[in-house]
Amino acid sequence: MKANIQLSDQVVLLLSWRDILAPRRGGAEVFTHEMLKRSTSKQFQYVHFSPMYPGAKPAEMIDGVLYLRAGNMWSVILHAARFYRKHRAKIKYVVNQCNTHQFFTRFWVPRAKRLFFIHQTTREIWFQNMGLLKGLPGYVMEPALLRLAKHDRTITVSASTRNALIGHGFHPDRIDIIPEGIEFEHWPHEHWLPKQADPTFLYIGRFVKYKGIDYVVEAFGKLKKKYPAATLWIAGKTNEQYLKEELQPIMERYGLSFMRGTEKDDIKTSNKQADVIFHGFVSEERKLELMSRAHMHVFPSQREGWGLTITEAAAVGTPSLVSNSPGLVDAVDYGRSGYMVAHGDVDALCTQMMSVIERPEEYERIRNCAYEYAKQFHFDYTGQAFGEWLERMSLPS
């Protein structure tokens, strides 16, 4: 790396396969950036190392975090190891961020400097995303790869992932939870937007099989037989192949019409135009508007680290319906601050969606519980928890 890098004498080096500006960035990258830029510990310099991508700079400062990039998904490991060796006298800790990809720091970083950061284990998602044969190697290898880090001080975002790591041989006393967060301030009740005139449900997220979007569409199709005025909003960058091969057959089976929405649409009136509206990728402002106007956010994913959209929706006055899956159970406080059904049970999903209409008093109670629970989570608290964790580890033993 030829960039002129200025480092302090107390560097925390974070390694990841994506960064906050990467084209395929997701919730994990947002979490890391917000955690670092809001960290309350001022004794460390944060340096983030990840692969190059088209148009990326080899080095840039973003919100006080130094972002370095080199190599591709695999060669980045060698570049990171070379950078560490060159600057190891100034590097206090190396954080191996595991998001299916990891940096095998056990083989090139001393144990005292190694930290491990993981949002979720992947397990059956290998099969969902890649099929049985292609996914089998990842499913089989994941436990062994995780155990490479079992002696490292570890952070994660939920009790679900912590419990999974303990099952893989990690010691409970060496795993700490850094709380999830949202970027915006929780809306006071008087700022919640009016709900749509007709029952409206929202899925927001990526178009991938394990997220359960097909379950949402099928449950909605069943609900429409009893409540024909209901509408389903789907937001997130549309995967046209998934839409054509997975979702359109379900919509055709239930006679559901669909249309593409845009940011210019008046969502207060667009419900009359189709049963299912695909809003595509939306701005932050539009996302919160959709969340606040929908009656329920439906997110039956198979496995998550947490489920950030659940907390975001609650913060603007909308409860979520989720599968009883790792990470999601944490985000709805095990059903105390949201609705929860067995994963893959479409009939139960439909029944709980109808409860919005049929049990309004229960709905208002859960809606308010979700909001109060969400108030515990903000990235300011995340940054504080991370800063305090680093400083505790740095105290003389």
Protein backbone atom coordinates (compact mmCIF):
# COMPACT_ATOMS: atom_id res chain seq x y z
CA MET A 1 0.00 0.00 0.00
CA LYS A 2 1.65 3.22 -1.22
CA ALA A 3 -0.63 5.71 0.54
CA ASN A 4 1.09 7.84 3.19
CA ILE A 5 -0.51 6.49 6.36
CA GLN A 6 -0.24 8.37 9.64
CA LEU A 7 -0.85 6.12 12.63
CA SER A 8 -1.06 6.85 16.34
CA ASP A 9 0.59 4.65 18.97
CA GLN A 10 -2.74 3.00 19.93
CA VAL A 11 -4.35 1.54 16.80
CA VAL A 12 -7.33 -0.79 16.66
CA LEU A 13 -7.19 -2.50 13.26
CA LEU A 14 -10.51 -3.87 12.03
CA LEU A 15 -10.61 -6.38 9.18
CA SER A 16 -13.67 -6.97 7.02
CA TRP A 17 -14.58 -8.03 3.49
CA ARG A 18 -16.79 -4.93 3.01
CA ASP A 19 -16.79 -1.36 4.25
CA ILE A 20 -19.34 1.44 4.65
CA LEU A 21 -19.01 2.57 1.01
CA ALA A 22 -18.81 -0.86 -0.65
CA PRO A 23 -21.53 -1.53 -3.26
CA ARG A 24 -22.71 -4.62 -1.34
CA ARG A 25 -22.60 -3.04 2.10
CA GLY A 26 -25.31 -4.06 4.50
CA GLY A 27 -26.37 -3.73 8.12
CA ALA A 28 -23.10 -5.15 9.46
CA GLU A 29 -21.08 -2.45 7.72
CA VAL A 30 -23.40 0.29 8.97
CA PHE A 31 -23.14 -1.09 12.49
CA THR A 32 -19.33 -1.14 12.41
CA HIS A 33 -19.04 2.40 11.06
CA GLU A 34 -21.52 3.87 13.52
CA MET A 35 -19.89 1.99 16.40
CA LEU A 36 -16.45 3.33 15.52
CA LYS A 37 -17.39 6.92 14.78
CA ARG A 38 -19.39 7.15 18.03
CA SER A 39 -16.92 5.28 20.23
CA THR A 40 -16.46 7.09 23.54
CA SER A 41 -12.88 5.88 23.90
CA LYS A 42 -10.47 8.57 22.68
CA GLN A 43 -7.26 6.68 23.33
CA PHE A 44 -7.48 4.58 20.15
CA GLN A 45 -7.23 5.28 16.43
CA TYR A 46 -9.59 3.12 14.38
CA VAL A 47 -8.28 1.74 11.08
CA HIS A 48 -10.56 -0.37 8.89
CA PHE A 49 -8.99 -2.68 6.27
CA SER A 50 -11.05 -4.29 3.47
CA PRO A 51 -10.84 -5.20 -0.26
CA MET A 52 -10.80 -2.74 -3.14
CA TYR A 53 -13.85 -2.31 -5.40
CA PRO A 54 -14.43 -0.26 -8.57
CA GLY A 55 -14.03 3.45 -7.88
CA ALA A 56 -12.71 2.96 -4.34
CA LYS A 57 -9.81 4.92 -2.88
CA PRO A 58 -6.92 2.97 -1.32
CA ALA A 59 -7.13 5.22 1.74
CA GLU A 60 -9.63 7.77 3.02
CA MET A 61 -10.84 9.22 6.30
CA ILE A 62 -14.59 8.97 6.97
CA ASP A 63 -16.05 10.36 10.21
CA GLY A 64 -12.71 9.98 11.96
CA VAL A 65 -12.21 6.36 10.85
CA LEU A 66 -9.27 5.61 8.52
CA TYR A 67 -10.44 3.27 5.75
CA LEU A 68 -7.74 1.31 3.90
CA ARG A 69 -8.39 -0.97 0.92
CA ALA A 70 -6.26 -3.45 -1.01
CA GLY A 71 -6.68 -6.67 -2.96
CA ASN A 72 -9.82 -8.69 -3.54
CA MET A 73 -11.98 -10.86 -1.31
CA TRP A 74 -9.17 -13.40 -0.82
CA SER A 75 -5.91 -11.53 -1.40
CA VAL A 76 -7.03 -8.88 1.11
CA ILE A 77 -5.98 -11.32 3.84
CA LEU A 78 -2.36 -11.20 2.63
CA HIS A 79 -2.47 -7.40 2.29
CA ALA A 80 -3.89 -7.06 5.81
CA ALA A 81 -1.23 -9.38 7.25
CA ARG A 82 1.50 -7.39 5.50
CA PHE A 83 0.09 -4.14 6.88
CA TYR A 84 -0.05 -5.61 10.36
CA ARG A 85 3.55 -6.80 10.26
CA LYS A 86 4.74 -3.39 9.09
CA HIS A 87 2.89 -1.49 11.82
CA ARG A 88 2.56 -4.11 14.57
CA ALA A 89 4.38 -1.95 17.15
CA LYS A 90 1.54 0.59 16.97
CA ILE A 91 -1.35 -1.84 16.68
CA LYS A 92 -2.93 -2.60 20.04
CA TYR A 93 -5.71 -4.90 18.81
CA VAL A 94 -6.74 -6.62 15.57
CA VAL A 95 -10.46 -7.22 15.14
CA ASN A 96 -11.33 -10.17 12.89
CA GLN A 97 -14.84 -9.36 11.68
CA CYS A 98 -16.56 -12.57 10.59
CA ASN A 99 -19.42 -12.26 8.10
CA THR A 100 -19.10 -15.70 6.42
CA HIS A 101 -15.64 -14.43 5.35
CA GLN A 102 -12.86 -14.06 7.94
CA PHE A 103 -9.15 -13.25 8.13
CA PHE A 104 -7.68 -16.25 10.02
CA THR A 105 -5.89 -13.96 12.46
CA ARG A 106 -5.12 -16.91 14.72
CA PHE A 107 -2.21 -17.72 12.38
CA TRP A 108 -0.59 -14.28 12.19
CA VAL A 109 -1.66 -12.16 15.20
CA PRO A 110 -0.57 -12.86 18.79
CA ARG A 111 -3.41 -14.04 21.03
CA ALA A 112 -3.17 -10.97 23.32
CA LYS A 113 -3.97 -8.71 20.37
CA ARG A 114 -6.74 -10.77 18.79
CA LEU A 115 -10.41 -9.77 19.01
CA PHE A 116 -13.31 -11.48 17.24
CA PHE A 117 -16.49 -9.74 16.06
CA ILE A 118 -19.45 -11.64 14.63
CA HIS A 119 -23.09 -10.66 14.10
CA GLN A 120 -24.51 -14.09 13.41
CA THR A 121 -23.64 -17.66 12.61
CA THR A 122 -24.80 -18.78 9.17
CA ARG A 123 -25.64 -22.49 9.49
CA GLU A 124 -28.69 -23.42 7.35
CA ILE A 125 -28.45 -20.17 5.36
CA TRP A 126 -25.69 -21.87 3.34
CA PHE A 127 -28.35 -24.21 1.92
CA GLN A 128 -30.93 -21.46 1.41
CA ASN A 129 -28.55 -19.28 -0.60
CA MET A 130 -26.53 -21.90 -2.48
CA GLY A 131 -28.57 -25.09 -2.58
CA LEU A 132 -27.87 -28.42 -0.91
CA LEU A 133 -24.70 -29.48 -2.74
CA LYS A 134 -22.99 -26.09 -3.08
CA GLY A 135 -23.96 -25.07 0.43
CA LEU A 136 -22.79 -28.28 2.10
CA PRO A 137 -19.06 -27.34 2.31
CA GLY A 138 -19.86 -24.04 4.01
CA TYR A 139 -22.27 -25.69 6.43
CA VAL A 140 -19.72 -28.36 7.36
CA MET A 141 -16.73 -26.02 7.60
CA GLU A 142 -18.35 -23.18 9.53
CA PRO A 143 -18.04 -24.75 13.03
CA ALA A 144 -14.36 -25.55 12.46
CA LEU A 145 -13.61 -22.04 11.19
CA LEU A 146 -15.42 -20.47 14.14
CA ARG A 147 -13.43 -22.57 16.58
CA LEU A 148 -10.25 -20.94 15.27
CA ALA A 149 -11.36 -17.87 17.24
CA LYS A 150 -12.79 -19.56 20.32
CA HIS A 151 -9.95 -18.35 22.57
CA ASP A 152 -10.23 -14.72 21.38
CA ARG A 153 -12.09 -12.00 23.25
CA THR A 154 -15.35 -11.76 21.33
CA ILE A 155 -18.17 -9.30 20.77
CA THR A 156 -21.53 -9.88 19.13
CA VAL A 157 -24.90 -8.12 18.95
CA SER A 158 -27.40 -10.53 20.49
CA ALA A 159 -27.86 -13.23 23.09
CA SER A 160 -28.85 -15.60 20.26
CA THR A 161 -25.44 -15.36 18.62
CA ARG A 162 -23.69 -15.49 21.99
CA ASN A 163 -25.46 -18.76 22.78
CA ALA A 164 -24.55 -20.15 19.35
CA LEU A 165 -20.88 -19.32 19.95
CA ILE A 166 -20.94 -21.02 23.34
CA GLY A 167 -22.23 -24.09 21.52
CA HIS A 168 -19.14 -23.89 19.31
CA GLY A 169 -16.78 -23.94 22.29
CA PHE A 170 -16.39 -20.25 23.09
CA HIS A 171 -16.13 -19.49 26.80
CA PRO A 172 -19.16 -17.48 28.09
CA ASP A 173 -16.93 -15.12 30.08
CA ARG A 174 -15.06 -14.09 26.95
CA ILE A 175 -18.13 -13.05 24.92
CA ASP A 176 -19.64 -9.57 25.35
CA ILE A 177 -22.73 -8.12 23.70
CA ILE A 178 -22.46 -4.69 22.10
CA PRO A 179 -26.06 -3.48 21.64
CA GLU A 180 -27.58 -2.80 18.24
CA GLY A 181 -28.57 0.74 17.41
CA ILE A 182 -30.45 3.04 15.08
CA GLU A 183 -29.10 6.23 13.53
CA PHE A 184 -32.12 8.52 14.06
CA GLU A 185 -33.86 9.72 17.19
CA HIS A 186 -36.95 7.76 18.19
CA TRP A 187 -40.05 9.62 17.05
CA PRO A 188 -42.28 10.88 19.87
CA HIS A 189 -45.83 9.54 19.70
CA GLU A 190 -47.21 12.80 18.32
CA HIS A 191 -44.87 12.51 15.31
CA TRP A 192 -46.02 9.03 14.32
CA LEU A 193 -47.67 9.19 10.90
CA PRO A 194 -51.32 8.19 10.48
CA LYS A 195 -51.79 4.56 9.47
CA GLN A 196 -53.16 3.82 6.00
CA ALA A 197 -56.93 3.75 5.70
CA ASP A 198 -56.85 0.05 4.77
CA PRO A 199 -54.73 -2.69 6.41
CA THR A 200 -51.18 -2.29 5.11
CA PHE A 201 -48.23 -4.60 5.67
CA LEU A 202 -44.56 -3.96 4.97
CA TYR A 203 -41.55 -6.13 4.17
CA ILE A 204 -38.28 -4.25 3.90
CA GLY A 205 -34.97 -5.95 3.23
CA ARG A 206 -32.95 -7.87 0.70
CA PHE A 207 -34.48 -10.22 -1.86
CA VAL A 208 -32.88 -13.46 -0.71
CA LYS A 209 -34.51 -16.77 0.10
CA TYR A 210 -33.64 -17.01 3.79
CA LYS A 211 -35.30 -13.66 4.58
CA GLY A 212 -38.72 -15.28 4.11
CA ILE A 213 -40.18 -12.78 1.68
CA ASP A 214 -42.01 -15.62 -0.10
CA TYR A 215 -43.72 -16.50 3.20
CA VAL A 216 -44.86 -12.89 3.52
CA VAL A 217 -46.41 -12.85 0.05
CA GLU A 218 -48.17 -16.20 0.55
CA ALA A 219 -49.54 -15.23 3.98
CA PHE A 220 -50.76 -11.98 2.48
CA GLY A 221 -52.47 -13.90 -0.34
CA LYS A 222 -54.39 -15.92 2.25
CA LEU A 223 -55.29 -12.76 4.17
CA LYS A 224 -56.66 -11.07 1.02
CA LYS A 225 -59.40 -13.67 0.76
CA LYS A 226 -60.92 -12.29 3.96
CA TYR A 227 -59.75 -8.67 3.73
CA PRO A 228 -59.68 -7.73 0.03
CA ALA A 229 -58.77 -4.07 0.70
CA ALA A 230 -55.44 -4.93 2.34
CA THR A 231 -52.13 -3.96 0.71
CA LEU A 232 -48.58 -5.29 0.92
CA TRP A 233 -45.59 -2.97 0.48
CA ILE A 234 -42.22 -4.48 -0.38
CA ALA A 235 -39.15 -2.24 -0.15
CA GLY A 236 -35.53 -2.99 -0.95
CA LYS A 237 -33.46 -3.30 -4.11
CA THR A 238 -35.52 -5.62 -6.30
CA ASN A 239 -33.91 -8.85 -7.44
CA GLU A 240 -35.70 -9.33 -10.75
CA GLN A 241 -34.85 -13.03 -11.02
CA TYR A 242 -36.16 -13.74 -7.53
CA LEU A 243 -39.29 -11.71 -8.27
CA LYS A 244 -39.96 -13.62 -11.49
CA GLU A 245 -39.10 -17.11 -10.28
CA GLU A 246 -40.25 -17.07 -6.64
CA LEU A 247 -42.73 -14.28 -5.99
CA GLN A 248 -44.73 -13.92 -9.21
CA PRO A 249 -45.93 -17.57 -9.14
CA ILE A 250 -47.25 -17.03 -5.60
CA MET A 251 -49.00 -13.79 -6.58
CA GLU A 252 -50.53 -15.47 -9.64
CA ARG A 253 -51.77 -18.37 -7.51
CA TYR A 254 -53.64 -15.96 -5.21
CA GLY A 255 -54.71 -13.55 -7.93
CA LEU A 256 -52.66 -10.66 -6.56
CA SER A 257 -51.92 -7.68 -8.75
CA PHE A 258 -48.64 -5.82 -8.35
CA MET A 259 -46.98 -2.61 -9.49
CA ARG A 260 -43.71 -0.70 -9.16
CA GLY A 261 -43.74 2.29 -6.86
CA THR A 262 -41.48 5.35 -6.95
CA GLU A 263 -40.37 7.94 -4.42
CA LYS A 264 -42.72 10.44 -6.08
CA ASP A 265 -45.84 8.38 -5.38
CA ASP A 266 -48.24 9.59 -2.73
CA ILE A 267 -48.35 6.47 -0.60
CA LYS A 268 -51.52 7.65 1.14
CA THR A 269 -53.45 6.95 -2.09
CA SER A 270 -51.33 4.42 -4.02
CA ASN A 271 -52.83 1.43 -2.18
CA LYS A 272 -55.87 1.47 -4.46
CA GLN A 273 -53.77 0.73 -7.55
CA ALA A 274 -52.47 -2.79 -6.75
CA ASP A 275 -52.45 -5.48 -4.08
CA VAL A 276 -48.64 -5.60 -3.83
CA ILE A 277 -46.46 -2.55 -4.42
CA PHE A 278 -42.72 -2.96 -4.98
CA HIS A 279 -41.10 0.29 -3.87
CA GLY A 280 -37.55 -0.77 -4.74
CA PHE A 281 -34.58 0.84 -3.02
CA VAL A 282 -35.81 3.81 -1.01
CA SER A 283 -34.24 6.79 0.71
CA GLU A 284 -33.95 6.88 4.49
CA GLU A 285 -36.78 9.41 4.67
CA ARG A 286 -39.06 7.28 2.51
CA LYS A 287 -38.18 4.15 4.46
CA LEU A 288 -39.29 5.70 7.74
CA GLU A 289 -42.48 7.00 6.11
CA LEU A 290 -43.35 3.52 4.87
CA MET A 291 -42.56 2.07 8.29
CA SER A 292 -44.67 4.56 10.19
CA ARG A 293 -47.70 4.38 7.86
CA ALA A 294 -47.80 0.58 7.63
CA HIS A 295 -49.80 -1.28 10.27
CA MET A 296 -47.24 -4.07 10.63
CA HIS A 297 -43.68 -4.83 9.54
CA VAL A 298 -43.42 -8.52 8.59
CA PHE A 299 -39.94 -10.06 8.65
CA PRO A 300 -39.91 -13.90 8.92
CA SER A 301 -36.20 -14.42 8.30
CA GLN A 302 -34.55 -17.74 9.11
CA ARG A 303 -31.59 -16.24 10.96
CA GLU A 304 -30.24 -12.77 11.73
CA GLY A 305 -27.70 -11.13 13.97
CA TRP A 306 -30.47 -8.88 15.25
CA GLY A 307 -32.99 -7.46 12.76
CA LEU A 308 -32.35 -3.72 12.63
CA THR A 309 -35.48 -2.88 10.63
CA ILE A 310 -37.53 -4.28 13.53
CA THR A 311 -36.06 -1.72 15.91
CA GLU A 312 -36.36 1.06 13.32
CA ALA A 313 -40.03 0.29 12.66
CA ALA A 314 -40.79 0.22 16.38
CA ALA A 315 -39.08 3.59 16.80
CA VAL A 316 -41.62 5.18 14.43
CA GLY A 317 -44.68 3.45 15.87
CA THR A 318 -45.00 0.12 14.03
CA PRO A 319 -44.64 -3.36 15.55
CA SER A 320 -43.08 -6.31 13.74
CA LEU A 321 -44.13 -9.88 13.09
CA VAL A 322 -41.15 -12.22 12.94
CA SER A 323 -40.14 -15.87 12.92
CA ASN A 324 -38.90 -17.35 16.18
CA SER A 325 -35.41 -17.29 14.67
CA PRO A 326 -32.03 -16.44 16.19
CA GLY A 327 -31.56 -12.67 16.36
CA LEU A 328 -35.20 -11.87 15.62
CA VAL A 329 -36.34 -13.21 18.98
CA ASP A 330 -33.93 -10.73 20.58
CA ALA A 331 -35.24 -7.82 18.50
CA VAL A 332 -38.86 -8.42 19.64
CA ASP A 333 -37.83 -9.29 23.22
CA TYR A 334 -39.03 -12.88 22.79
CA GLY A 335 -42.54 -11.82 21.78
CA ARG A 336 -43.06 -9.24 24.50
CA SER A 337 -42.47 -6.36 22.08
CA GLY A 338 -43.75 -7.77 18.82
CA TYR A 339 -45.48 -10.73 17.22
CA MET A 340 -43.70 -14.07 16.77
CA VAL A 341 -44.54 -17.34 14.99
CA ALA A 342 -42.73 -20.58 14.18
CA HIS A 343 -40.46 -20.12 11.19
CA GLY A 344 -42.08 -21.24 7.95
CA ASP A 345 -45.62 -21.47 9.37
CA VAL A 346 -47.49 -19.44 6.75
CA ASP A 347 -50.91 -20.03 8.32
CA ALA A 348 -49.70 -18.69 11.67
CA LEU A 349 -48.13 -15.75 9.87
CA CYS A 350 -51.47 -14.98 8.22
CA THR A 351 -53.37 -15.31 11.52
CA GLN A 352 -51.08 -12.83 13.26
CA MET A 353 -51.31 -10.41 10.34
CA MET A 354 -55.10 -10.53 10.66
CA SER A 355 -54.83 -9.77 14.38
CA VAL A 356 -53.92 -6.20 13.44
CA ILE A 357 -57.46 -5.89 12.12
CA GLU A 358 -59.34 -8.17 14.48
CA ARG A 359 -57.69 -7.36 17.84
CA PRO A 360 -57.07 -3.59 17.85
CA GLU A 361 -56.59 -3.29 21.63
CA GLU A 362 -53.91 -5.98 21.62
CA TYR A 363 -52.33 -4.29 18.62
CA GLU A 364 -52.07 -0.93 20.42
CA ARG A 365 -50.55 -2.59 23.47
CA ILE A 366 -47.90 -4.42 21.45
CA ARG A 367 -47.24 -1.31 19.39
CA ASN A 368 -46.43 0.67 22.51
CA CYS A 369 -44.36 -2.15 24.03
CA ALA A 370 -42.32 -2.30 20.83
CA TYR A 371 -41.69 1.44 20.98
CA GLU A 372 -40.60 1.38 24.62
CA TYR A 373 -38.26 -1.55 23.98
CA ALA A 374 -36.76 0.18 20.93
CA LYS A 375 -35.87 3.24 23.03
CA GLN A 376 -33.02 1.21 24.56
CA PHE A 377 -31.24 1.02 21.21
CA HIS A 378 -29.35 3.86 19.54
CA PHE A 379 -25.89 3.95 17.97
CA ASP A 380 -24.80 6.44 20.63
CA TYR A 381 -25.26 3.64 23.17
CA THR A 382 -23.46 1.23 20.82
CA GLY A 383 -20.44 3.53 20.60
CA GLN A 384 -20.39 4.00 24.34
CA ALA A 385 -20.54 0.25 25.01
CA PHE A 386 -17.75 -0.47 22.53
CA GLY A 387 -15.50 2.28 23.89
CA GLU A 388 -15.99 1.12 27.47
CA TRP A 389 -15.31 -2.50 26.45
CA LEU A 390 -12.00 -1.60 24.83
CA GLU A 391 -10.93 0.46 27.82
CA ARG A 392 -11.81 -2.35 30.26
CA MET A 393 -9.65 -4.74 28.28
CA SER A 394 -6.77 -2.26 28.31
CA LEU A 395 -6.69 -1.87 32.09
CA PRO A 396 -3.69 -3.47 33.84
CA SER A 397 -4.62 -6.96 35.04
